[in-house]
Amino acid sequence: MIHFSSIRFFNLTSFLYFITSRNHFFQTILQRLHSVTGKNVKVLNT
């Protein structure tokens, strides 16, 4: 059960990453969040 759930979790994260990298609308949302949070995001990114 644990192994199956971990596989599902990995598939979910990889799927979300694929959507994030491919979806332009989601990228614009992330960029707006970055611009709103400002320095905090820059520190996290570095």
PDB file of N, CA and C in Angstrom:
ATOM      1  N   MET A   1       0.832  -1.203   0.000  1.00  0.00           N
ATOM      2  CA  MET A   1       0.000   0.000   0.000  1.00  0.00           C
ATOM      3  C   MET A   1       0.870   1.257   0.000  1.00  0.00           C
ATOM      4  N   ILE A   2       1.923   1.261   0.833  1.00  0.00           N
ATOM      5  CA  ILE A   2       2.796   2.431   0.934  1.00  0.00           C
ATOM      6  C   ILE A   2       3.526   2.661  -0.389  1.00  0.00           C
ATOM      7  N   HIS A   3       4.008   1.573  -0.995  1.00  0.00           N
ATOM      8  CA  HIS A   3       4.732   1.691  -2.260  1.00  0.00           C
ATOM      9  C   HIS A   3       3.806   2.240  -3.345  1.00  0.00           C
ATOM     10  N   PHE A   4       2.564   1.761  -3.377  1.00  0.00           N
ATOM     11  CA  PHE A   4       1.596   2.210  -4.373  1.00  0.00           C
ATOM     12  C   PHE A   4       1.284   3.694  -4.189  1.00  0.00           C
ATOM     13  N   SER A   5       1.098   4.112  -2.932  1.00  0.00           N
ATOM     14  CA  SER A   5       0.778   5.512  -2.660  1.00  0.00           C
ATOM     15  C   SER A   5       1.947   6.420  -3.024  1.00  0.00           C
ATOM     16  N   SER A   6       3.171   5.947  -2.806  1.00  0.00           N
ATOM     17  CA  SER A   6       4.347   6.747  -3.145  1.00  0.00           C
ATOM     18  C   SER A   6       4.463   6.911  -4.661  1.00  0.00           C
ATOM     19  N   ILE A   7       4.099   5.854  -5.413  1.00  0.00           N
ATOM     20  CA  ILE A   7       4.117   5.942  -6.870  1.00  0.00           C
ATOM     21  C   ILE A   7       3.066   6.937  -7.343  1.00  0.00           C
ATOM     22  N   ARG A   8       1.894   6.901  -6.735  1.00  0.00           N
ATOM     23  CA  ARG A   8       0.837   7.841  -7.104  1.00  0.00           C
ATOM     24  C   ARG A   8       1.272   9.271  -6.800  1.00  0.00           C
ATOM     25  N   PHE A   9       1.935   9.454  -5.668  1.00  0.00           N
ATOM     26  CA  PHE A   9       2.389  10.787  -5.286  1.00  0.00           C
ATOM     27  C   PHE A   9       3.425  11.298  -6.272  1.00  0.00           C
ATOM     28  N   PHE A  10       4.335  10.420  -6.690  1.00  0.00           N
ATOM     29  CA  PHE A  10       5.361  10.806  -7.659  1.00  0.00           C
ATOM     30  C   PHE A  10       4.729  11.173  -8.993  1.00  0.00           C
ATOM     31  N   ASN A  11       3.742  10.380  -9.424  1.00  0.00           N
ATOM     32  CA  ASN A  11       3.051  10.670 -10.681  1.00  0.00           C
ATOM     33  C   ASN A  11       2.310  11.995 -10.588  1.00  0.00           C
ATOM     34  N   LEU A  12       1.751  12.294  -9.420  1.00  0.00           N
ATOM     35  CA  LEU A  12       1.012  13.535  -9.231  1.00  0.00           C
ATOM     36  C   LEU A  12       1.951  14.734  -9.298  1.00  0.00           C
ATOM     37  N   THR A  13       3.104  14.635  -8.624  1.00  0.00           N
ATOM     38  CA  THR A  13       4.057  15.742  -8.622  1.00  0.00           C
ATOM     39  C   THR A  13       4.641  15.964 -10.010  1.00  0.00           C
ATOM     40  N   SER A  14       4.964  14.882 -10.712  1.00  0.00           N
ATOM     41  CA  SER A  14       5.519  15.001 -12.061  1.00  0.00           C
ATOM     42  C   SER A  14       4.472  15.572 -13.013  1.00  0.00           C
ATOM     43  N   PHE A  15       3.212  15.200 -12.798  1.00  0.00           N
ATOM     44  CA  PHE A  15       2.118  15.723 -13.622  1.00  0.00           C
ATOM     45  C   PHE A  15       1.935  17.223 -13.385  1.00  0.00           C
ATOM     46  N   LEU A  16       1.981  17.635 -12.115  1.00  0.00           N
ATOM     47  CA  LEU A  16       1.864  19.053 -11.783  1.00  0.00           C
ATOM     48  C   LEU A  16       3.043  19.828 -12.341  1.00  0.00           C
ATOM     49  N   TYR A  17       4.240  19.228 -12.287  1.00  0.00           N
ATOM     50  CA  TYR A  17       5.425  19.885 -12.840  1.00  0.00           C
ATOM     51  C   TYR A  17       5.295  20.045 -14.352  1.00  0.00           C
ATOM     52  N   PHE A  18       4.742  19.040 -14.999  1.00  0.00           N
ATOM     53  CA  PHE A  18       4.534  19.104 -16.452  1.00  0.00           C
ATOM     54  C   PHE A  18       3.559  20.224 -16.802  1.00  0.00           C
ATOM     55  N   ILE A  19       2.472  20.325 -16.044  1.00  0.00           N
ATOM     56  CA  ILE A  19       1.489  21.388 -16.271  1.00  0.00           C
ATOM     57  C   ILE A  19       2.130  22.749 -16.033  1.00  0.00           C
ATOM     58  N   THR A  20       2.925  22.851 -14.975  1.00  0.00           N
ATOM     59  CA  THR A  20       3.570  24.124 -14.635  1.00  0.00           C
ATOM     60  C   THR A  20       4.543  24.548 -15.725  1.00  0.00           C
ATOM     61  N   SER A  21       5.278  23.591 -16.288  1.00  0.00           N
ATOM     62  CA  SER A  21       6.284  23.921 -17.299  1.00  0.00           C
ATOM     63  C   SER A  21       5.653  24.175 -18.666  1.00  0.00           C
ATOM     64  N   ARG A  22       4.486  23.605 -18.900  1.00  0.00           N
ATOM     65  CA  ARG A  22       3.872  23.709 -20.223  1.00  0.00           C
ATOM     66  C   ARG A  22       2.774  24.775 -20.298  1.00  0.00           C
ATOM     67  N   ASN A  23       2.093  25.006 -19.178  1.00  0.00           N
ATOM     68  CA  ASN A  23       0.946  25.907 -19.208  1.00  0.00           C
ATOM     69  C   ASN A  23       1.393  27.357 -19.045  1.00  0.00           C
ATOM     70  N   HIS A  24       1.195  28.149 -20.091  1.00  0.00           N
ATOM     71  CA  HIS A  24       1.614  29.547 -20.075  1.00  0.00           C
ATOM     72  C   HIS A  24       0.792  30.350 -19.061  1.00  0.00           C
ATOM     73  N   PHE A  25      -0.484  30.012 -18.933  1.00  0.00           N
ATOM     74  CA  PHE A  25      -1.351  30.718 -17.997  1.00  0.00           C
ATOM     75  C   PHE A  25      -0.859  30.539 -16.565  1.00  0.00           C
ATOM     76  N   PHE A  26      -0.437  29.313 -16.241  1.00  0.00           N
ATOM     77  CA  PHE A  26       0.056  29.031 -14.901  1.00  0.00           C
ATOM     78  C   PHE A  26       1.387  29.734 -14.670  1.00  0.00           C
ATOM     79  N   GLN A  27       2.211  29.832 -15.721  1.00  0.00           N
ATOM     80  CA  GLN A  27       3.486  30.536 -15.605  1.00  0.00           C
ATOM     81  C   GLN A  27       3.270  32.008 -15.302  1.00  0.00           C
ATOM     82  N   THR A  28       2.269  32.618 -15.933  1.00  0.00           N
ATOM     83  CA  THR A  28       1.978  34.029 -15.679  1.00  0.00           C
ATOM     84  C   THR A  28       1.528  34.227 -14.238  1.00  0.00           C
ATOM     85  N   ILE A  29       0.763  33.258 -13.714  1.00  0.00           N
ATOM     86  CA  ILE A  29       0.334  33.330 -12.320  1.00  0.00           C
ATOM     87  C   ILE A  29       1.540  33.250 -11.391  1.00  0.00           C
ATOM     88  N   LEU A  30       2.467  32.333 -11.674  1.00  0.00           N
ATOM     89  CA  LEU A  30       3.668  32.206 -10.865  1.00  0.00           C
ATOM     90  C   LEU A  30       4.501  33.475 -10.925  1.00  0.00           C
ATOM     91  N   GLN A  31       4.602  34.065 -12.112  1.00  0.00           N
ATOM     92  CA  GLN A  31       5.364  35.303 -12.265  1.00  0.00           C
ATOM     93  C   GLN A  31       4.739  36.427 -11.460  1.00  0.00           C
ATOM     94  N   ARG A  32       3.414  36.491 -11.430  1.00  0.00           N
ATOM     95  CA  ARG A  32       2.728  37.518 -10.639  1.00  0.00           C
ATOM     96  C   ARG A  32       2.967  37.286  -9.157  1.00  0.00           C
ATOM     97  N   LEU A  33       2.954  36.024  -8.744  1.00  0.00           N
ATOM     98  CA  LEU A  33       3.236  35.714  -7.337  1.00  0.00           C
ATOM     99  C   LEU A  33       4.660  36.113  -6.983  1.00  0.00           C
ATOM    100  N   HIS A  34       5.593  35.858  -7.896  1.00  0.00           N
ATOM    101  CA  HIS A  34       6.991  36.242  -7.685  1.00  0.00           C
ATOM    102  C   HIS A  34       7.114  37.750  -7.542  1.00  0.00           C
ATOM    103  N   SER A  35       6.412  38.493  -8.407  1.00  0.00           N
ATOM    104  CA  SER A  35       6.503  39.950  -8.376  1.00  0.00           C
ATOM    105  C   SER A  35       5.852  40.504  -7.109  1.00  0.00           C
ATOM    106  N   VAL A  36       4.800  39.827  -6.628  1.00  0.00           N
ATOM    107  CA  VAL A  36       4.116  40.289  -5.413  1.00  0.00           C
ATOM    108  C   VAL A  36       4.971  40.040  -4.175  1.00  0.00           C
ATOM    109  N   THR A  37       5.523  38.842  -4.074  1.00  0.00           N
ATOM    110  CA  THR A  37       6.306  38.496  -2.887  1.00  0.00           C
ATOM    111  C   THR A  37       7.662  39.186  -2.907  1.00  0.00           C
ATOM    112  N   GLY A  38       8.223  39.401  -4.106  1.00  0.00           N
ATOM    113  CA  GLY A  38       9.443  40.200  -4.224  1.00  0.00           C
ATOM    114  C   GLY A  38      10.687  39.521  -3.708  1.00  0.00           C
ATOM    115  N   LYS A  39      11.325  40.149  -2.725  1.00  0.00           N
ATOM    116  CA  LYS A  39      12.631  39.714  -2.259  1.00  0.00           C
ATOM    117  C   LYS A  39      12.600  38.306  -1.677  1.00  0.00           C
ATOM    118  N   ASN A  40      11.500  37.935  -1.024  1.00  0.00           N
ATOM    119  CA  ASN A  40      11.409  36.622  -0.399  1.00  0.00           C
ATOM    120  C   ASN A  40      11.588  35.503  -1.419  1.00  0.00           C
ATOM    121  N   VAL A  41      10.946  35.640  -2.583  1.00  0.00           N
ATOM    122  CA  VAL A  41      11.047  34.632  -3.630  1.00  0.00           C
ATOM    123  C   VAL A  41      12.458  34.595  -4.202  1.00  0.00           C
ATOM    124  N   LYS A  42      13.062  35.788  -4.347  1.00  0.00           N
ATOM    125  CA  LYS A  42      14.415  35.850  -4.882  1.00  0.00           C
ATOM    126  C   LYS A  42      15.387  35.120  -3.961  1.00  0.00           C
ATOM    127  N   VAL A  43      15.207  35.260  -2.661  1.00  0.00           N
ATOM    128  CA  VAL A  43      16.074  34.577  -1.702  1.00  0.00           C
ATOM    129  C   VAL A  43      15.862  33.068  -1.782  1.00  0.00           C
ATOM    130  N   LEU A  44      14.590  32.657  -1.922  1.00  0.00           N
ATOM    131  CA  LEU A  44      14.283  31.232  -2.023  1.00  0.00           C
ATOM    132  C   LEU A  44      14.831  30.642  -3.314  1.00  0.00           C
ATOM    133  N   ASN A  45      14.776  31.411  -4.393  1.00  0.00           N
ATOM    134  CA  ASN A  45      15.269  30.920  -5.678  1.00  0.00           C
ATOM    135  C   ASN A  45      16.780  30.750  -5.680  1.00  0.00           C
ATOM    136  N   THR A  46      17.479  31.605  -4.938  1.00  0.00           N
ATOM    137  CA  THR A  46      18.932  31.511  -4.884  1.00  0.00           C
ATOM    138  C   THR A  46      19.320  30.411  -3.922  1.00  0.00           C
TER     139      THR A  46
END
